[in-house]
Amino acid sequence: MIDPLTHPCAAPRSWQVAAWVLVGRPIPVYLRPPVTKEFLGQYRVLEDGNEVVEVHPDLRGHQKLLVFLHECAHARLHKEKTGETPAGLAPSSVTLTPEEAKFLKVIRRPIETEAEELAQRWFSTAVQAVGEDSSEEACLAYLTKIAYHNFTTLEKP
């Protein structure tokens, strides 16, 4: 496996550490367009069993943070429900037709809802603690600190 800290698309070290703490295991985070072109972020389990989180590099501020947290929530909650790509799509870059994208959203709705709820709890916890105008780095530092000390607080509604 390629070292996620030296890969040209690697997210900053703070993101790697936050993913490890939030997910409960090391997982590389890359700031690159996801394999499925219509997605802003994607969590995948590759054929070799390695996991990756991808966040679109063009996202900014809290949108980037929310997508990152959403994909980390998938990694924490849904590893066994995730294939290399959604719905068995080819592992190379894929473009979905509007009908395929709509179908994918419908069949994955419960999984997406669970991930979104956990991501929103993590995000709200951080923003309440560090302030709405804080950077994503400040939010990640807070989440990493609190998750490391008391992870269950962040999972309960």
Foldseek 3Di string as FASTA:
>chain_A
DDDLPPPPFFDDPLLQLLLCLLQVHGATEGQDQDLANVDQKAWFQAPVRHIYIYGHNPDDWVVSLLSSQLRSLCSNPPPVPHHRHQPPDDNGRDYDDPVRVVVSCVVCVVSSVSSNVLSVLLQVVLCVVPHPPDGSSSSSVVSSVCSVVPVVVSNDD
